[in-house]
């Protein structure tokens, strides 16, 4: 009975899956997500205030209410650009990993 238990435990430990090879891709995906999260927060807010103060009120000499409107359009466009870039990077990252798996 003891020999049976030792054999079954040894076989179970030998066939355990090894997930250490996926650590690099997980870290890469988390770095990409963190980068685009920071970009999603900082870029639209920064562009909003910069375009309001320097472009619309400074260069074009618009009124305060008009500059709010156009600066908000710039911020919304920045959000869409960041989202499109994230989708593109995520799509190409996934397809490159699949290609690497097929060639091995």
PDB file of N, CA and C in Angstrom:
ATOM      1  N   UNK A   1       0.817  -1.177   0.000  1.00  0.00           N
ATOM      2  CA  UNK A   1       0.000   0.000   0.000  1.00  0.00           C
ATOM      3  C   UNK A   1       0.869   1.253   0.000  1.00  0.00           C
ATOM      4  N   UNK A   2       1.953   1.221   0.807  1.00  0.00           N
ATOM      5  CA  UNK A   2       2.831   2.380   0.853  1.00  0.00           C
ATOM      6  C   UNK A   2       3.549   2.571  -0.476  1.00  0.00           C
ATOM      7  N   UNK A   3       3.928   1.505  -1.128  1.00  0.00           N
ATOM      8  CA  UNK A   3       4.579   1.604  -2.421  1.00  0.00           C
ATOM      9  C   UNK A   3       3.666   2.193  -3.470  1.00  0.00           C
ATOM     10  N   UNK A   4       2.396   1.866  -3.408  1.00  0.00           N
ATOM     11  CA  UNK A   4       1.420   2.412  -4.346  1.00  0.00           C
ATOM     12  C   UNK A   4       1.275   3.926  -4.161  1.00  0.00           C
ATOM     13  N   UNK A   5       1.239   4.371  -2.924  1.00  0.00           N
ATOM     14  CA  UNK A   5       1.096   5.802  -2.638  1.00  0.00           C
ATOM     15  C   UNK A   5       2.330   6.583  -3.088  1.00  0.00           C
ATOM     16  N   UNK A   6       3.516   6.016  -2.873  1.00  0.00           N
ATOM     17  CA  UNK A   6       4.738   6.692  -3.302  1.00  0.00           C
ATOM     18  C   UNK A   6       4.801   6.780  -4.823  1.00  0.00           C
ATOM     19  N   UNK A   7       4.404   5.733  -5.500  1.00  0.00           N
ATOM     20  CA  UNK A   7       4.434   5.728  -6.955  1.00  0.00           C
ATOM     21  C   UNK A   7       3.454   6.739  -7.519  1.00  0.00           C
ATOM     22  N   UNK A   8       2.255   6.792  -6.979  1.00  0.00           N
ATOM     23  CA  UNK A   8       1.258   7.712  -7.514  1.00  0.00           C
ATOM     24  C   UNK A   8       1.639   9.166  -7.222  1.00  0.00           C
ATOM     25  N   UNK A   9       2.274   9.441  -6.106  1.00  0.00           N
ATOM     26  CA  UNK A   9       2.701  10.798  -5.807  1.00  0.00           C
ATOM     27  C   UNK A   9       3.839  11.219  -6.709  1.00  0.00           C
ATOM     28  N   UNK A  10       4.759  10.300  -6.978  1.00  0.00           N
ATOM     29  CA  UNK A  10       5.868  10.621  -7.871  1.00  0.00           C
ATOM     30  C   UNK A  10       5.376  10.883  -9.286  1.00  0.00           C
ATOM     31  N   UNK A  11       4.419  10.117  -9.756  1.00  0.00           N
ATOM     32  CA  UNK A  11       3.883  10.320 -11.096  1.00  0.00           C
ATOM     33  C   UNK A  11       3.140  11.644 -11.189  1.00  0.00           C
ATOM     34  N   UNK A  12       2.418  12.006 -10.135  1.00  0.00           N
ATOM     35  CA  UNK A  12       1.677  13.261 -10.150  1.00  0.00           C
ATOM     36  C   UNK A  12       2.617  14.455 -10.175  1.00  0.00           C
ATOM     37  N   UNK A  13       3.732  14.380  -9.464  1.00  0.00           N
ATOM     38  CA  UNK A  13       4.653  15.515  -9.440  1.00  0.00           C
ATOM     39  C   UNK A  13       5.417  15.632 -10.760  1.00  0.00           C
ATOM     40  N   UNK A  14       5.628  14.535 -11.464  1.00  0.00           N
ATOM     41  CA  UNK A  14       6.336  14.580 -12.733  1.00  0.00           C
ATOM     42  C   UNK A  14       5.478  15.155 -13.845  1.00  0.00           C
ATOM     43  N   UNK A  15       4.186  15.003 -13.790  1.00  0.00           N
ATOM     44  CA  UNK A  15       3.323  15.466 -14.870  1.00  0.00           C
ATOM     45  C   UNK A  15       2.691  16.831 -14.587  1.00  0.00           C
ATOM     46  N   UNK A  16       3.125  17.508 -13.530  1.00  0.00           N
ATOM     47  CA  UNK A  16       2.561  18.828 -13.228  1.00  0.00           C
ATOM     48  C   UNK A  16       2.953  19.808 -14.327  1.00  0.00           C
ATOM     49  N   UNK A  17       2.022  20.611 -14.793  1.00  0.00           N
ATOM     50  CA  UNK A  17       2.336  21.563 -15.863  1.00  0.00           C
ATOM     51  C   UNK A  17       3.261  22.665 -15.366  1.00  0.00           C
ATOM     52  N   UNK A  18       4.080  23.154 -16.271  1.00  0.00           N
ATOM     53  CA  UNK A  18       5.032  24.216 -15.953  1.00  0.00           C
ATOM     54  C   UNK A  18       4.579  25.486 -16.659  1.00  0.00           C
ATOM     55  N   UNK A  19       4.181  26.480 -15.876  1.00  0.00           N
ATOM     56  CA  UNK A  19       3.688  27.724 -16.453  1.00  0.00           C
ATOM     57  C   UNK A  19       4.736  28.827 -16.439  1.00  0.00           C
ATOM     58  N   UNK A  20       5.959  28.488 -16.141  1.00  0.00           N
ATOM     59  CA  UNK A  20       6.992  29.519 -16.055  1.00  0.00           C
ATOM     60  C   UNK A  20       7.314  30.140 -17.400  1.00  0.00           C
ATOM     61  N   UNK A  21       7.051  29.499 -18.506  1.00  0.00           N
ATOM     62  CA  UNK A  21       7.332  30.052 -19.812  1.00  0.00           C
ATOM     63  C   UNK A  21       6.412  31.198 -20.170  1.00  0.00           C
ATOM     64  N   UNK A  22       5.270  31.316 -19.528  1.00  0.00           N
ATOM     65  CA  UNK A  22       4.318  32.377 -19.829  1.00  0.00           C
ATOM     66  C   UNK A  22       4.574  33.643 -19.028  1.00  0.00           C
ATOM     67  N   UNK A  23       5.549  33.650 -18.116  1.00  0.00           N
ATOM     68  CA  UNK A  23       5.810  34.830 -17.299  1.00  0.00           C
ATOM     69  C   UNK A  23       6.226  36.021 -18.145  1.00  0.00           C
ATOM     70  N   UNK A  24       7.025  35.808 -19.158  1.00  0.00           N
ATOM     71  CA  UNK A  24       7.479  36.902 -20.006  1.00  0.00           C
ATOM     72  C   UNK A  24       6.339  37.552 -20.751  1.00  0.00           C
ATOM     73  N   UNK A  25       5.436  36.765 -21.273  1.00  0.00           N
ATOM     74  CA  UNK A  25       4.315  37.341 -22.007  1.00  0.00           C
ATOM     75  C   UNK A  25       3.344  38.033 -21.062  1.00  0.00           C
ATOM     76  N   UNK A  26       3.188  37.518 -19.854  1.00  0.00           N
ATOM     77  CA  UNK A  26       2.310  38.154 -18.878  1.00  0.00           C
ATOM     78  C   UNK A  26       2.877  39.496 -18.437  1.00  0.00           C
ATOM     79  N   UNK A  27       4.156  39.555 -18.172  1.00  0.00           N
ATOM     80  CA  UNK A  27       4.797  40.807 -17.776  1.00  0.00           C
ATOM     81  C   UNK A  27       4.725  41.809 -18.918  1.00  0.00           C
ATOM     82  N   UNK A  28       4.937  41.347 -20.123  1.00  0.00           N
ATOM     83  CA  UNK A  28       4.845  42.229 -21.285  1.00  0.00           C
ATOM     84  C   UNK A  28       3.440  42.787 -21.446  1.00  0.00           C
ATOM     85  N   UNK A  29       2.440  41.957 -21.265  1.00  0.00           N
ATOM     86  CA  UNK A  29       1.057  42.417 -21.388  1.00  0.00           C
ATOM     87  C   UNK A  29       0.712  43.413 -20.283  1.00  0.00           C
ATOM     88  N   UNK A  30       1.193  43.170 -19.071  1.00  0.00           N
ATOM     89  CA  UNK A  30       0.932  44.100 -17.980  1.00  0.00           C
ATOM     90  C   UNK A  30       1.637  45.436 -18.176  1.00  0.00           C
ATOM     91  N   UNK A  31       2.856  45.402 -18.721  1.00  0.00           N
ATOM     92  CA  UNK A  31       3.566  46.646 -19.019  1.00  0.00           C
ATOM     93  C   UNK A  31       2.830  47.443 -20.090  1.00  0.00           C
ATOM     94  N   UNK A  32       2.345  46.761 -21.109  1.00  0.00           N
ATOM     95  CA  UNK A  32       1.584  47.431 -22.158  1.00  0.00           C
ATOM     96  C   UNK A  32       0.310  48.040 -21.601  1.00  0.00           C
ATOM     97  N   UNK A  33      -0.394  47.295 -20.770  1.00  0.00           N
ATOM     98  CA  UNK A  33      -1.626  47.793 -20.168  1.00  0.00           C
ATOM     99  C   UNK A  33      -1.351  48.996 -19.274  1.00  0.00           C
ATOM    100  N   UNK A  34      -0.304  48.937 -18.470  1.00  0.00           N
ATOM    101  CA  UNK A  34       0.048  50.050 -17.591  1.00  0.00           C
ATOM    102  C   UNK A  34       0.430  51.292 -18.392  1.00  0.00           C
ATOM    103  N   UNK A  35       1.192  51.105 -19.458  1.00  0.00           N
ATOM    104  CA  UNK A  35       1.591  52.229 -20.305  1.00  0.00           C
ATOM    105  C   UNK A  35       0.376  52.924 -20.909  1.00  0.00           C
ATOM    106  N   UNK A  36      -0.543  52.146 -21.459  1.00  0.00           N
ATOM    107  CA  UNK A  36      -1.707  52.746 -22.089  1.00  0.00           C
ATOM    108  C   UNK A  36      -2.688  53.302 -21.063  1.00  0.00           C
ATOM    109  N   UNK A  37      -2.710  52.764 -19.858  1.00  0.00           N
ATOM    110  CA  UNK A  37      -3.548  53.331 -18.796  1.00  0.00           C
ATOM    111  C   UNK A  37      -3.041  54.714 -18.405  1.00  0.00           C
ATOM    112  N   UNK A  38      -1.748  54.836 -18.219  1.00  0.00           N
ATOM    113  CA  UNK A  38      -1.170  56.138 -17.884  1.00  0.00           C
ATOM    114  C   UNK A  38      -1.368  57.118 -19.030  1.00  0.00           C
ATOM    115  N   UNK A  39      -1.173  56.643 -20.258  1.00  0.00           N
ATOM    116  CA  UNK A  39      -1.368  57.490 -21.424  1.00  0.00           C
ATOM    117  C   UNK A  39      -2.818  57.939 -21.551  1.00  0.00           C
ATOM    118  N   UNK A  40      -3.761  57.049 -21.225  1.00  0.00           N
ATOM    119  CA  UNK A  40      -5.182  57.366 -21.316  1.00  0.00           C
ATOM    120  C   UNK A  40      -5.580  58.444 -20.313  1.00  0.00           C
ATOM    121  N   UNK A  41      -4.927  58.482 -19.179  1.00  0.00           N
ATOM    122  CA  UNK A  41      -5.259  59.481 -18.166  1.00  0.00           C
ATOM    123  C   UNK A  41      -4.558  60.806 -18.447  1.00  0.00           C
ATOM    124  N   UNK A  42      -3.284  60.770 -18.751  1.00  0.00           N
ATOM    125  CA  UNK A  42      -2.500  61.998 -18.834  1.00  0.00           C
ATOM    126  C   UNK A  42      -2.646  62.739 -20.162  1.00  0.00           C
ATOM    127  N   UNK A  43      -2.685  62.022 -21.270  1.00  0.00           N
ATOM    128  CA  UNK A  43      -2.687  62.689 -22.575  1.00  0.00           C
ATOM    129  C   UNK A  43      -3.941  63.529 -22.818  1.00  0.00           C
ATOM    130  N   UNK A  44      -5.149  63.005 -22.649  1.00  0.00           N
ATOM    131  CA  UNK A  44      -6.324  63.854 -22.890  1.00  0.00           C
ATOM    132  C   UNK A  44      -6.417  65.051 -21.940  1.00  0.00           C
ATOM    133  N   UNK A  45      -6.080  64.855 -20.670  1.00  0.00           N
ATOM    134  CA  UNK A  45      -6.147  65.969 -19.718  1.00  0.00           C
ATOM    135  C   UNK A  45      -5.096  67.024 -20.057  1.00  0.00           C
ATOM    136  N   UNK A  46      -3.901  66.572 -20.353  1.00  0.00           N
ATOM    137  CA  UNK A  46      -2.841  67.513 -20.733  1.00  0.00           C
ATOM    138  C   UNK A  46      -3.158  68.267 -22.007  1.00  0.00           C
ATOM    139  N   UNK A  47      -3.660  67.544 -23.009  1.00  0.00           N
ATOM    140  CA  UNK A  47      -4.025  68.209 -24.258  1.00  0.00           C
ATOM    141  C   UNK A  47      -5.197  69.160 -24.080  1.00  0.00           C
ATOM    142  N   UNK A  48      -6.120  68.813 -23.196  1.00  0.00           N
ATOM    143  CA  UNK A  48      -7.260  69.691 -22.950  1.00  0.00           C
ATOM    144  C   UNK A  48      -6.783  71.056 -22.448  1.00  0.00           C
ATOM    145  N   UNK A  49      -5.998  71.036 -21.368  1.00  0.00           N
ATOM    146  CA  UNK A  49      -5.577  72.299 -20.781  1.00  0.00           C
ATOM    147  C   UNK A  49      -4.568  73.035 -21.663  1.00  0.00           C
ATOM    148  N   UNK A  50      -3.678  72.312 -22.309  1.00  0.00           N
ATOM    149  CA  UNK A  50      -2.697  72.960 -23.177  1.00  0.00           C
ATOM    150  C   UNK A  50      -3.364  73.593 -24.394  1.00  0.00           C
ATOM    151  N   UNK A  51      -4.256  72.859 -25.034  1.00  0.00           N
ATOM    152  CA  UNK A  51      -4.910  73.431 -26.218  1.00  0.00           C
ATOM    153  C   UNK A  51      -5.840  74.577 -25.837  1.00  0.00           C
ATOM    154  N   UNK A  52      -6.498  74.485 -24.687  1.00  0.00           N
ATOM    155  CA  UNK A  52      -7.381  75.566 -24.242  1.00  0.00           C
ATOM    156  C   UNK A  52      -6.586  76.845 -24.004  1.00  0.00           C
ATOM    157  N   UNK A  53      -5.492  76.729 -23.259  1.00  0.00           N
ATOM    158  CA  UNK A  53      -4.732  77.911 -22.869  1.00  0.00           C
ATOM    159  C   UNK A  53      -3.880  78.478 -24.003  1.00  0.00           C
ATOM    160  N   UNK A  54      -3.164  77.608 -24.699  1.00  0.00           N
ATOM    161  CA  UNK A  54      -2.180  78.099 -25.652  1.00  0.00           C
ATOM    162  C   UNK A  54      -2.705  78.215 -27.083  1.00  0.00           C
ATOM    163  N   UNK A  55      -3.527  77.283 -27.501  1.00  0.00           N
ATOM    164  CA  UNK A  55      -3.975  77.305 -28.892  1.00  0.00           C
ATOM    165  C   UNK A  55      -5.233  78.150 -29.053  1.00  0.00           C
ATOM    166  N   UNK A  56      -6.293  77.777 -28.331  1.00  0.00           N
ATOM    167  CA  UNK A  56      -7.581  78.408 -28.584  1.00  0.00           C
ATOM    168  C   UNK A  56      -7.699  79.800 -27.949  1.00  0.00           C
ATOM    169  N   UNK A  57      -7.248  79.966 -26.707  1.00  0.00           N
ATOM    170  CA  UNK A  57      -7.302  81.290 -26.092  1.00  0.00           C
ATOM    171  C   UNK A  57      -6.089  82.132 -26.451  1.00  0.00           C
ATOM    172  N   UNK A  58      -4.919  81.493 -26.635  1.00  0.00           N
ATOM    173  CA  UNK A  58      -3.696  82.233 -26.930  1.00  0.00           C
ATOM    174  C   UNK A  58      -3.564  82.619 -28.385  1.00  0.00           C
ATOM    175  N   UNK A  59      -3.542  81.615 -29.261  1.00  0.00           N
ATOM    176  CA  UNK A  59      -3.310  81.881 -30.675  1.00  0.00           C
ATOM    177  C   UNK A  59      -4.561  82.372 -31.401  1.00  0.00           C
ATOM    178  N   UNK A  60      -5.681  81.704 -31.173  1.00  0.00           N
ATOM    179  CA  UNK A  60      -6.908  82.053 -31.892  1.00  0.00           C
ATOM    180  C   UNK A  60      -7.727  83.131 -31.188  1.00  0.00           C
ATOM    181  N   UNK A  61      -7.344  83.486 -29.952  1.00  0.00           N
ATOM    182  CA  UNK A  61      -8.010  84.511 -29.156  1.00  0.00           C
ATOM    183  C   UNK A  61      -9.521  84.286 -29.059  1.00  0.00           C
ATOM    184  N   UNK A  62      -9.905  83.048 -28.760  1.00  0.00           N
ATOM    185  CA  UNK A  62     -11.319  82.713 -28.595  1.00  0.00           C
ATOM    186  C   UNK A  62     -11.779  83.091 -27.192  1.00  0.00           C
ATOM    187  N   UNK A  63     -13.081  83.151 -27.013  1.00  0.00           N
ATOM    188  CA  UNK A  63     -13.623  83.425 -25.685  1.00  0.00           C
ATOM    189  C   UNK A  63     -13.433  82.184 -24.799  1.00  0.00           C
ATOM    190  N   UNK A  64     -13.656  82.369 -23.514  1.00  0.00           N
ATOM    191  CA  UNK A  64     -13.461  81.300 -22.545  1.00  0.00           C
ATOM    192  C   UNK A  64     -14.414  80.138 -22.819  1.00  0.00           C
ATOM    193  N   UNK A  65     -15.671  80.413 -23.126  1.00  0.00           N
ATOM    194  CA  UNK A  65     -16.649  79.339 -23.354  1.00  0.00           C
ATOM    195  C   UNK A  65     -16.384  78.596 -24.660  1.00  0.00           C
ATOM    196  N   UNK A  66     -15.961  79.302 -25.691  1.00  0.00           N
ATOM    197  CA  UNK A  66     -15.644  78.622 -26.954  1.00  0.00           C
ATOM    198  C   UNK A  66     -14.407  77.742 -26.814  1.00  0.00           C
ATOM    199  N   UNK A  67     -13.428  78.218 -26.064  1.00  0.00           N
ATOM    200  CA  UNK A  67     -12.206  77.427 -25.905  1.00  0.00           C
ATOM    201  C   UNK A  67     -12.461  76.152 -25.120  1.00  0.00           C
ATOM    202  N   UNK A  68     -13.420  76.153 -24.173  1.00  0.00           N
ATOM    203  CA  UNK A  68     -13.796  74.927 -23.481  1.00  0.00           C
ATOM    204  C   UNK A  68     -14.310  73.877 -24.462  1.00  0.00           C
ATOM    205  N   UNK A  69     -15.151  74.316 -25.345  1.00  0.00           N
ATOM    206  CA  UNK A  69     -15.778  73.406 -26.305  1.00  0.00           C
ATOM    207  C   UNK A  69     -14.737  72.764 -27.230  1.00  0.00           C
ATOM    208  N   UNK A  70     -13.888  73.577 -27.825  1.00  0.00           N
ATOM    209  CA  UNK A  70     -12.908  73.041 -28.765  1.00  0.00           C
ATOM    210  C   UNK A  70     -11.808  72.231 -28.068  1.00  0.00           C
ATOM    211  N   UNK A  71     -11.453  72.615 -26.862  1.00  0.00           N
ATOM    212  CA  UNK A  71     -10.469  71.839 -26.107  1.00  0.00           C
ATOM    213  C   UNK A  71     -11.032  70.473 -25.728  1.00  0.00           C
ATOM    214  N   UNK A  72     -12.330  70.406 -25.446  1.00  0.00           N
ATOM    215  CA  UNK A  72     -12.958  69.114 -25.148  1.00  0.00           C
ATOM    216  C   UNK A  72     -12.948  68.217 -26.380  1.00  0.00           C
ATOM    217  N   UNK A  73     -13.143  68.793 -27.562  1.00  0.00           N
ATOM    218  CA  UNK A  73     -13.069  68.001 -28.798  1.00  0.00           C
ATOM    219  C   UNK A  73     -11.664  67.430 -28.971  1.00  0.00           C
ATOM    220  N   UNK A  74     -10.648  68.227 -28.696  1.00  0.00           N
ATOM    221  CA  UNK A  74      -9.256  67.750 -28.789  1.00  0.00           C
ATOM    222  C   UNK A  74      -9.025  66.599 -27.813  1.00  0.00           C
ATOM    223  N   UNK A  75      -9.539  66.700 -26.591  1.00  0.00           N
ATOM    224  CA  UNK A  75      -9.360  65.649 -25.591  1.00  0.00           C
ATOM    225  C   UNK A  75     -10.073  64.362 -26.010  1.00  0.00           C
ATOM    226  N   UNK A  76     -11.264  64.480 -26.561  1.00  0.00           N
ATOM    227  CA  UNK A  76     -12.003  63.285 -27.010  1.00  0.00           C
ATOM    228  C   UNK A  76     -11.279  62.619 -28.173  1.00  0.00           C
ATOM    229  N   UNK A  77     -10.741  63.412 -29.079  1.00  0.00           N
ATOM    230  CA  UNK A  77      -9.958  62.830 -30.178  1.00  0.00           C
ATOM    231  C   UNK A  77      -8.711  62.120 -29.655  1.00  0.00           C
ATOM    232  N   UNK A  78      -8.083  62.681 -28.629  1.00  0.00           N
ATOM    233  CA  UNK A  78      -6.904  62.035 -28.036  1.00  0.00           C
ATOM    234  C   UNK A  78      -7.271  60.700 -27.407  1.00  0.00           C
ATOM    235  N   UNK A  79      -8.438  60.627 -26.748  1.00  0.00           N
ATOM    236  CA  UNK A  79      -8.891  59.359 -26.167  1.00  0.00           C
ATOM    237  C   UNK A  79      -9.075  58.314 -27.266  1.00  0.00           C
ATOM    238  N   UNK A  80      -9.669  58.712 -28.377  1.00  0.00           N
ATOM    239  CA  UNK A  80      -9.888  57.767 -29.468  1.00  0.00           C
ATOM    240  C   UNK A  80      -8.574  57.301 -30.091  1.00  0.00           C
ATOM    241  N   UNK A  81      -7.615  58.187 -30.197  1.00  0.00           N
ATOM    242  CA  UNK A  81      -6.308  57.808 -30.748  1.00  0.00           C
ATOM    243  C   UNK A  81      -5.612  56.815 -29.818  1.00  0.00           C
ATOM    244  N   UNK A  82      -5.641  57.061 -28.512  1.00  0.00           N
ATOM    245  CA  UNK A  82      -5.006  56.148 -27.561  1.00  0.00           C
ATOM    246  C   UNK A  82      -5.690  54.784 -27.592  1.00  0.00           C
ATOM    247  N   UNK A  83      -7.013  54.764 -27.647  1.00  0.00           N
ATOM    248  CA  UNK A  83      -7.730  53.488 -27.723  1.00  0.00           C
ATOM    249  C   UNK A  83      -7.389  52.729 -29.000  1.00  0.00           C
ATOM    250  N   UNK A  84      -7.314  53.435 -30.122  1.00  0.00           N
ATOM    251  CA  UNK A  84      -6.969  52.781 -31.384  1.00  0.00           C
ATOM    252  C   UNK A  84      -5.549  52.219 -31.331  1.00  0.00           C
ATOM    253  N   UNK A  85      -4.629  52.968 -30.743  1.00  0.00           N
ATOM    254  CA  UNK A  85      -3.257  52.468 -30.605  1.00  0.00           C
ATOM    255  C   UNK A  85      -3.193  51.248 -29.702  1.00  0.00           C
ATOM    256  N   UNK A  86      -3.971  51.255 -28.610  1.00  0.00           N
ATOM    257  CA  UNK A  86      -3.984  50.098 -27.720  1.00  0.00           C
ATOM    258  C   UNK A  86      -4.521  48.861 -28.431  1.00  0.00           C
ATOM    259  N   UNK A  87      -5.590  49.021 -29.175  1.00  0.00           N
ATOM    260  CA  UNK A  87      -6.154  47.879 -29.905  1.00  0.00           C
ATOM    261  C   UNK A  87      -5.152  47.359 -30.927  1.00  0.00           C
ATOM    262  N   UNK A  88      -4.477  48.274 -31.637  1.00  0.00           N
ATOM    263  CA  UNK A  88      -3.477  47.855 -32.622  1.00  0.00           C
ATOM    264  C   UNK A  88      -2.322  47.101 -31.965  1.00  0.00           C
ATOM    265  N   UNK A  89      -1.804  47.629 -30.859  1.00  0.00           N
ATOM    266  CA  UNK A  89      -0.681  46.975 -30.173  1.00  0.00           C
ATOM    267  C   UNK A  89      -1.109  45.619 -29.617  1.00  0.00           C
ATOM    268  N   UNK A  90      -2.294  45.561 -29.033  1.00  0.00           N
ATOM    269  CA  UNK A  90      -2.781  44.284 -28.488  1.00  0.00           C
ATOM    270  C   UNK A  90      -3.001  43.271 -29.593  1.00  0.00           C
ATOM    271  N   UNK A  91      -3.505  43.708 -30.718  1.00  0.00           N
ATOM    272  CA  UNK A  91      -3.752  42.803 -31.844  1.00  0.00           C
ATOM    273  C   UNK A  91      -2.443  42.264 -32.412  1.00  0.00           C
ATOM    274  N   UNK A  92      -1.472  43.139 -32.628  1.00  0.00           N
ATOM    275  CA  UNK A  92      -0.198  42.684 -33.196  1.00  0.00           C
ATOM    276  C   UNK A  92       0.597  41.857 -32.194  1.00  0.00           C
ATOM    277  N   UNK A  93       0.489  42.167 -30.908  1.00  0.00           N
ATOM    278  CA  UNK A  93       1.191  41.381 -29.891  1.00  0.00           C
ATOM    279  C   UNK A  93       0.646  39.963 -29.837  1.00  0.00           C
ATOM    280  N   UNK A  94      -0.652  39.809 -29.918  1.00  0.00           N
ATOM    281  CA  UNK A  94      -1.270  38.483 -29.908  1.00  0.00           C
ATOM    282  C   UNK A  94      -0.943  37.684 -31.149  1.00  0.00           C
ATOM    283  N   UNK A  95      -0.926  38.337 -32.309  1.00  0.00           N
ATOM    284  CA  UNK A  95      -0.645  37.605 -33.543  1.00  0.00           C
ATOM    285  C   UNK A  95       0.826  37.220 -33.638  1.00  0.00           C
ATOM    286  N   UNK A  96       1.725  38.043 -33.087  1.00  0.00           N
ATOM    287  CA  UNK A  96       3.143  37.679 -33.123  1.00  0.00           C
ATOM    288  C   UNK A  96       3.420  36.494 -32.208  1.00  0.00           C
ATOM    289  N   UNK A  97       2.709  36.404 -31.084  1.00  0.00           N
ATOM    290  CA  UNK A  97       2.887  35.254 -30.196  1.00  0.00           C
ATOM    291  C   UNK A  97       2.350  33.987 -30.837  1.00  0.00           C
ATOM    292  N   UNK A  98       1.248  34.098 -31.590  1.00  0.00           N
ATOM    293  CA  UNK A  98       0.715  32.914 -32.265  1.00  0.00           C
ATOM    294  C   UNK A  98       1.666  32.456 -33.363  1.00  0.00           C
ATOM    295  N   UNK A  99       2.277  33.402 -34.076  1.00  0.00           N
ATOM    296  CA  UNK A  99       3.225  33.040 -35.134  1.00  0.00           C
ATOM    297  C   UNK A  99       4.445  32.347 -34.554  1.00  0.00           C
ATOM    298  N   UNK A 100       4.928  32.822 -33.412  1.00  0.00           N
ATOM    299  CA  UNK A 100       6.080  32.200 -32.776  1.00  0.00           C
ATOM    300  C   UNK A 100       5.739  30.768 -32.371  1.00  0.00           C
ATOM    301  N   UNK A 101       4.548  30.536 -31.888  1.00  0.00           N
ATOM    302  CA  UNK A 101       4.120  29.203 -31.474  1.00  0.00           C
ATOM    303  C   UNK A 101       4.010  28.261 -32.650  1.00  0.00           C
ATOM    304  N   UNK A 102       3.606  28.742 -33.810  1.00  0.00           N
ATOM    305  CA  UNK A 102       3.460  27.880 -34.982  1.00  0.00           C
ATOM    306  C   UNK A 102       4.799  27.465 -35.558  1.00  0.00           C
ATOM    307  N   UNK A 103       5.797  28.339 -35.472  1.00  0.00           N
ATOM    308  CA  UNK A 103       7.101  28.020 -36.057  1.00  0.00           C
ATOM    309  C   UNK A 103       7.926  27.071 -35.199  1.00  0.00           C
ATOM    310  N   UNK A 104       7.641  27.004 -33.916  1.00  0.00           N
ATOM    311  CA  UNK A 104       8.431  26.134 -33.023  1.00  0.00           C
ATOM    312  C   UNK A 104       8.181  24.726 -33.283  1.00  0.00           C
TER     313      UNK A 104
END
